[in-house]
């Protein structure tokens, strides 16, 4: 999977963040550097939630609020949270008579939910949904809901998410080992 861009809205401390990843063949790696407590790990968590949903959050997300922490102080009763990710992947597609070819596919994924800020122990999260579109020269076409998980799993299996999305400390531990 090659990430192209992401748009994160109301995800913890990130109220409206656009990320554009390197798609330069000569420089294919994107490194996010910033001061502590500015949202690097939150960005990583938002991308992971966007792809895999609440089940991969700490405690399966039941005690892990996604809404911005100042939502309570602002008196907000409900917060819409979304992560949109555009990515490319290589897929094997049939071309007839038992033949196949590798094709670059481009997708736009949108994960959305609503949370209700409170001081309760468990987070009230509703209407979590994921929508995936294939982007073609002719426009966008919605992927059947039943096919979305398979496309994501073929792109980055959930078991490998911690290898694909890594922070500096984890990378250094891997290198030192």
C-alpha atoms as a PDB file:
ATOM      1  CA  UNK A   1       0.000   0.000   0.000  1.00  0.00           C
ATOM      2  CA  UNK A   2       1.202   3.479  -0.836  1.00  0.00           C
ATOM      3  CA  UNK A   3      -0.456   6.251   1.144  1.00  0.00           C
ATOM      4  CA  UNK A   4      -1.216   9.341  -0.939  1.00  0.00           C
ATOM      5  CA  UNK A   5      -3.012  11.617   1.510  1.00  0.00           C
ATOM      6  CA  UNK A   6      -5.152  11.721   4.635  1.00  0.00           C
ATOM      7  CA  UNK A   7      -7.650  14.134   6.130  1.00  0.00           C
ATOM      8  CA  UNK A   8      -8.294  13.742   9.863  1.00  0.00           C
ATOM      9  CA  UNK A   9     -11.171  15.590  11.554  1.00  0.00           C
ATOM     10  CA  UNK A  10     -11.935  15.752  15.285  1.00  0.00           C
ATOM     11  CA  UNK A  11      -9.672  12.836  16.186  1.00  0.00           C
ATOM     12  CA  UNK A  12      -8.397  13.496  19.709  1.00  0.00           C
ATOM     13  CA  UNK A  13      -6.206  16.619  19.491  1.00  0.00           C
ATOM     14  CA  UNK A  14      -6.382  16.771  15.678  1.00  0.00           C
ATOM     15  CA  UNK A  15      -9.389  18.901  14.780  1.00  0.00           C
ATOM     16  CA  UNK A  16      -8.580  19.328  11.080  1.00  0.00           C
ATOM     17  CA  UNK A  17      -5.348  17.906   9.676  1.00  0.00           C
ATOM     18  CA  UNK A  18      -4.325  17.294   6.059  1.00  0.00           C
ATOM     19  CA  UNK A  19      -1.387  14.958   5.415  1.00  0.00           C
ATOM     20  CA  UNK A  20       0.232  14.558   2.005  1.00  0.00           C
ATOM     21  CA  UNK A  21       2.615  11.626   1.779  1.00  0.00           C
ATOM     22  CA  UNK A  22       5.616  11.369  -0.506  1.00  0.00           C
ATOM     23  CA  UNK A  23       4.781   9.756  -3.826  1.00  0.00           C
ATOM     24  CA  UNK A  24       8.185  10.616  -5.308  1.00  0.00           C
ATOM     25  CA  UNK A  25       9.858   7.443  -6.621  1.00  0.00           C
ATOM     26  CA  UNK A  26      13.263   8.835  -5.602  1.00  0.00           C
ATOM     27  CA  UNK A  27      12.086   9.631  -2.036  1.00  0.00           C
ATOM     28  CA  UNK A  28       9.388   7.071  -1.210  1.00  0.00           C
ATOM     29  CA  UNK A  29       9.410   7.503   2.583  1.00  0.00           C
ATOM     30  CA  UNK A  30       7.422   9.985   4.628  1.00  0.00           C
ATOM     31  CA  UNK A  31       8.809  10.851   8.048  1.00  0.00           C
ATOM     32  CA  UNK A  32       6.742  12.964  10.417  1.00  0.00           C
ATOM     33  CA  UNK A  33       8.886  14.921  12.888  1.00  0.00           C
ATOM     34  CA  UNK A  34       7.602  17.405  15.413  1.00  0.00           C
ATOM     35  CA  UNK A  35       7.833  18.401  19.055  1.00  0.00           C
ATOM     36  CA  UNK A  36       6.398  16.161  21.762  1.00  0.00           C
ATOM     37  CA  UNK A  37       2.640  16.306  22.335  1.00  0.00           C
ATOM     38  CA  UNK A  38       1.870  17.749  18.879  1.00  0.00           C
ATOM     39  CA  UNK A  39      -0.013  14.813  17.376  1.00  0.00           C
ATOM     40  CA  UNK A  40       2.473  12.435  15.714  1.00  0.00           C
ATOM     41  CA  UNK A  41       1.248   9.322  17.525  1.00  0.00           C
ATOM     42  CA  UNK A  42      -2.346  10.566  17.284  1.00  0.00           C
ATOM     43  CA  UNK A  43      -1.926  10.833  13.499  1.00  0.00           C
ATOM     44  CA  UNK A  44      -0.633   7.273  13.407  1.00  0.00           C
ATOM     45  CA  UNK A  45      -3.554   6.066  15.550  1.00  0.00           C
ATOM     46  CA  UNK A  46      -6.030   7.934  13.330  1.00  0.00           C
ATOM     47  CA  UNK A  47      -4.660   6.222  10.211  1.00  0.00           C
ATOM     48  CA  UNK A  48      -4.857   2.821  11.893  1.00  0.00           C
ATOM     49  CA  UNK A  49      -8.428   3.503  13.081  1.00  0.00           C
ATOM     50  CA  UNK A  50      -9.312   4.678   9.573  1.00  0.00           C
ATOM     51  CA  UNK A  51      -8.173   1.400   8.067  1.00  0.00           C
ATOM     52  CA  UNK A  52      -9.179  -1.114  10.741  1.00  0.00           C
ATOM     53  CA  UNK A  53     -11.785   0.495  12.998  1.00  0.00           C
ATOM     54  CA  UNK A  54     -12.343   0.628  16.751  1.00  0.00           C
ATOM     55  CA  UNK A  55     -11.427  -3.028  17.297  1.00  0.00           C
ATOM     56  CA  UNK A  56      -7.705  -2.201  17.000  1.00  0.00           C
ATOM     57  CA  UNK A  57      -7.755   0.674  19.487  1.00  0.00           C
ATOM     58  CA  UNK A  58      -6.578   0.125  23.068  1.00  0.00           C
ATOM     59  CA  UNK A  59      -9.270  -1.883  24.877  1.00  0.00           C
ATOM     60  CA  UNK A  60     -11.096  -2.239  21.535  1.00  0.00           C
ATOM     61  CA  UNK A  61     -11.923   1.443  21.856  1.00  0.00           C
ATOM     62  CA  UNK A  62     -14.456   1.047  24.673  1.00  0.00           C
ATOM     63  CA  UNK A  63     -12.479   3.307  27.026  1.00  0.00           C
ATOM     64  CA  UNK A  64     -10.595   5.199  24.319  1.00  0.00           C
ATOM     65  CA  UNK A  65     -12.392   8.379  23.290  1.00  0.00           C
ATOM     66  CA  UNK A  66     -11.667   9.725  19.839  1.00  0.00           C
ATOM     67  CA  UNK A  67     -13.332  13.132  20.277  1.00  0.00           C
ATOM     68  CA  UNK A  68     -11.127  16.160  21.038  1.00  0.00           C
ATOM     69  CA  UNK A  69     -10.445  16.478  24.760  1.00  0.00           C
ATOM     70  CA  UNK A  70     -11.754  20.041  24.863  1.00  0.00           C
ATOM     71  CA  UNK A  71     -15.190  18.941  23.594  1.00  0.00           C
ATOM     72  CA  UNK A  72     -16.489  18.554  27.156  1.00  0.00           C
ATOM     73  CA  UNK A  73     -15.290  22.019  28.174  1.00  0.00           C
ATOM     74  CA  UNK A  74     -16.931  23.490  25.067  1.00  0.00           C
ATOM     75  CA  UNK A  75     -20.200  21.791  25.995  1.00  0.00           C
ATOM     76  CA  UNK A  76     -20.413  19.815  22.777  1.00  0.00           C
ATOM     77  CA  UNK A  77     -23.053  17.094  23.010  1.00  0.00           C
ATOM     78  CA  UNK A  78     -21.938  15.114  19.976  1.00  0.00           C
ATOM     79  CA  UNK A  79     -18.829  15.116  17.819  1.00  0.00           C
ATOM     80  CA  UNK A  80     -18.494  13.784  14.292  1.00  0.00           C
ATOM     81  CA  UNK A  81     -15.126  12.129  13.764  1.00  0.00           C
ATOM     82  CA  UNK A  82     -13.719  11.153  10.391  1.00  0.00           C
ATOM     83  CA  UNK A  83     -10.584   9.930   8.713  1.00  0.00           C
ATOM     84  CA  UNK A  84     -10.277   9.967   4.939  1.00  0.00           C
ATOM     85  CA  UNK A  85      -7.337   8.142   3.388  1.00  0.00           C
ATOM     86  CA  UNK A  86      -6.349   8.022  -0.257  1.00  0.00           C
ATOM     87  CA  UNK A  87      -4.024   5.174  -1.196  1.00  0.00           C
ATOM     88  CA  UNK A  88      -2.715   3.039  -4.037  1.00  0.00           C
ATOM     89  CA  UNK A  89      -2.163  -0.670  -4.053  1.00  0.00           C
ATOM     90  CA  UNK A  90      -1.102  -3.314  -6.548  1.00  0.00           C
ATOM     91  CA  UNK A  91      -3.669  -6.007  -7.215  1.00  0.00           C
ATOM     92  CA  UNK A  92      -3.735  -9.102  -9.372  1.00  0.00           C
ATOM     93  CA  UNK A  93      -6.694  -8.836 -11.753  1.00  0.00           C
ATOM     94  CA  UNK A  94      -7.964 -11.372 -14.264  1.00  0.00           C
ATOM     95  CA  UNK A  95      -7.680 -10.398 -17.946  1.00  0.00           C
ATOM     96  CA  UNK A  96      -9.458 -13.400 -19.420  1.00  0.00           C
ATOM     97  CA  UNK A  97      -8.849 -17.063 -20.212  1.00  0.00           C
ATOM     98  CA  UNK A  98      -6.978 -17.785 -16.977  1.00  0.00           C
ATOM     99  CA  UNK A  99      -4.557 -14.893 -17.455  1.00  0.00           C
ATOM    100  CA  UNK A 100      -3.814 -12.247 -14.872  1.00  0.00           C
ATOM    101  CA  UNK A 101      -1.929  -8.998 -14.595  1.00  0.00           C
ATOM    102  CA  UNK A 102      -0.817  -6.686 -11.804  1.00  0.00           C
ATOM    103  CA  UNK A 103      -2.713  -3.426 -11.832  1.00  0.00           C
ATOM    104  CA  UNK A 104      -2.246  -0.277  -9.753  1.00  0.00           C
ATOM    105  CA  UNK A 105      -5.510   0.529  -8.026  1.00  0.00           C
ATOM    106  CA  UNK A 106      -6.302   3.825  -6.317  1.00  0.00           C
ATOM    107  CA  UNK A 107      -8.826   4.113  -3.499  1.00  0.00           C
ATOM    108  CA  UNK A 108     -10.369   6.687  -1.198  1.00  0.00           C
ATOM    109  CA  UNK A 109     -11.480   5.381   2.182  1.00  0.00           C
ATOM    110  CA  UNK A 110     -13.727   7.231   4.617  1.00  0.00           C
ATOM    111  CA  UNK A 111     -14.282   6.049   8.196  1.00  0.00           C
ATOM    112  CA  UNK A 112     -16.761   8.031  10.226  1.00  0.00           C
ATOM    113  CA  UNK A 113     -18.416   7.851  13.628  1.00  0.00           C
ATOM    114  CA  UNK A 114     -20.216   9.974  16.180  1.00  0.00           C
ATOM    115  CA  UNK A 115     -19.190  10.212  19.821  1.00  0.00           C
ATOM    116  CA  UNK A 116     -20.916  11.810  22.767  1.00  0.00           C
ATOM    117  CA  UNK A 117     -18.406  13.503  25.102  1.00  0.00           C
ATOM    118  CA  UNK A 118     -18.914  12.651  28.763  1.00  0.00           C
ATOM    119  CA  UNK A 119     -17.053  11.759  31.934  1.00  0.00           C
ATOM    120  CA  UNK A 120     -18.377   8.189  31.818  1.00  0.00           C
ATOM    121  CA  UNK A 121     -15.900   5.314  31.942  1.00  0.00           C
ATOM    122  CA  UNK A 122     -17.037   3.907  28.605  1.00  0.00           C
ATOM    123  CA  UNK A 123     -17.197   5.879  25.375  1.00  0.00           C
ATOM    124  CA  UNK A 124     -20.519   6.168  23.588  1.00  0.00           C
ATOM    125  CA  UNK A 125     -19.574   5.712  19.914  1.00  0.00           C
ATOM    126  CA  UNK A 126     -22.275   5.273  17.299  1.00  0.00           C
ATOM    127  CA  UNK A 127     -22.699   4.895  13.580  1.00  0.00           C
ATOM    128  CA  UNK A 128     -19.129   3.825  12.891  1.00  0.00           C
ATOM    129  CA  UNK A 129     -18.978   3.224   9.188  1.00  0.00           C
ATOM    130  CA  UNK A 130     -16.441   2.710   6.462  1.00  0.00           C
ATOM    131  CA  UNK A 131     -16.905   3.542   2.813  1.00  0.00           C
ATOM    132  CA  UNK A 132     -14.379   2.760   0.090  1.00  0.00           C
ATOM    133  CA  UNK A 133     -14.274   4.193  -3.409  1.00  0.00           C
ATOM    134  CA  UNK A 134     -12.144   3.135  -6.338  1.00  0.00           C
ATOM    135  CA  UNK A 135     -10.721   6.150  -8.130  1.00  0.00           C
ATOM    136  CA  UNK A 136     -10.479   5.713 -11.890  1.00  0.00           C
ATOM    137  CA  UNK A 137      -9.955   7.992 -14.868  1.00  0.00           C
ATOM    138  CA  UNK A 138     -13.752   8.064 -15.253  1.00  0.00           C
ATOM    139  CA  UNK A 139     -14.405   9.134 -11.650  1.00  0.00           C
ATOM    140  CA  UNK A 140     -15.101   7.282  -8.424  1.00  0.00           C
ATOM    141  CA  UNK A 141     -17.057   4.109  -7.916  1.00  0.00           C
ATOM    142  CA  UNK A 142     -18.185   2.862  -4.535  1.00  0.00           C
ATOM    143  CA  UNK A 143     -16.866  -0.556  -3.529  1.00  0.00           C
ATOM    144  CA  UNK A 144     -19.398  -3.011  -2.152  1.00  0.00           C
ATOM    145  CA  UNK A 145     -19.306  -3.015   1.659  1.00  0.00           C
ATOM    146  CA  UNK A 146     -18.710  -6.779   1.622  1.00  0.00           C
ATOM    147  CA  UNK A 147     -15.451  -6.271  -0.339  1.00  0.00           C
ATOM    148  CA  UNK A 148     -13.930  -3.425   1.695  1.00  0.00           C
ATOM    149  CA  UNK A 149     -12.270  -5.495   4.422  1.00  0.00           C
ATOM    150  CA  UNK A 150     -10.694  -7.854   1.858  1.00  0.00           C
ATOM    151  CA  UNK A 151      -9.185  -4.969  -0.117  1.00  0.00           C
ATOM    152  CA  UNK A 152      -7.684  -3.462   3.039  1.00  0.00           C
ATOM    153  CA  UNK A 153      -6.411  -6.840   4.286  1.00  0.00           C
ATOM    154  CA  UNK A 154      -4.801  -7.524   0.895  1.00  0.00           C
ATOM    155  CA  UNK A 155      -3.145  -4.102   1.025  1.00  0.00           C
ATOM    156  CA  UNK A 156      -1.879  -4.207   4.628  1.00  0.00           C
ATOM    157  CA  UNK A 157      -2.926  -7.217   6.702  1.00  0.00           C
ATOM    158  CA  UNK A 158      -4.042  -6.128  10.162  1.00  0.00           C
ATOM    159  CA  UNK A 159      -1.350  -8.384  11.656  1.00  0.00           C
ATOM    160  CA  UNK A 160       1.297  -6.197   9.965  1.00  0.00           C
ATOM    161  CA  UNK A 161      -0.140  -2.796  10.868  1.00  0.00           C
ATOM    162  CA  UNK A 162       2.419  -2.246  13.645  1.00  0.00           C
ATOM    163  CA  UNK A 163       5.240  -2.866  11.175  1.00  0.00           C
ATOM    164  CA  UNK A 164       3.808  -0.546   8.518  1.00  0.00           C
ATOM    165  CA  UNK A 165       2.859   2.211  10.974  1.00  0.00           C
ATOM    166  CA  UNK A 166       5.698   2.643  13.425  1.00  0.00           C
ATOM    167  CA  UNK A 167       6.979   5.350  15.698  1.00  0.00           C
ATOM    168  CA  UNK A 168      10.587   6.323  16.292  1.00  0.00           C
ATOM    169  CA  UNK A 169      10.976   4.363  19.532  1.00  0.00           C
ATOM    170  CA  UNK A 170       9.675   1.165  17.917  1.00  0.00           C
ATOM    171  CA  UNK A 171      11.895   1.661  14.872  1.00  0.00           C
ATOM    172  CA  UNK A 172      14.966   2.146  17.071  1.00  0.00           C
ATOM    173  CA  UNK A 173      14.121  -0.984  19.105  1.00  0.00           C
ATOM    174  CA  UNK A 174      13.868  -2.957  15.857  1.00  0.00           C
ATOM    175  CA  UNK A 175      17.150  -1.547  14.518  1.00  0.00           C
ATOM    176  CA  UNK A 176      19.001  -2.137  17.788  1.00  0.00           C
ATOM    177  CA  UNK A 177      17.784  -5.740  17.981  1.00  0.00           C
END
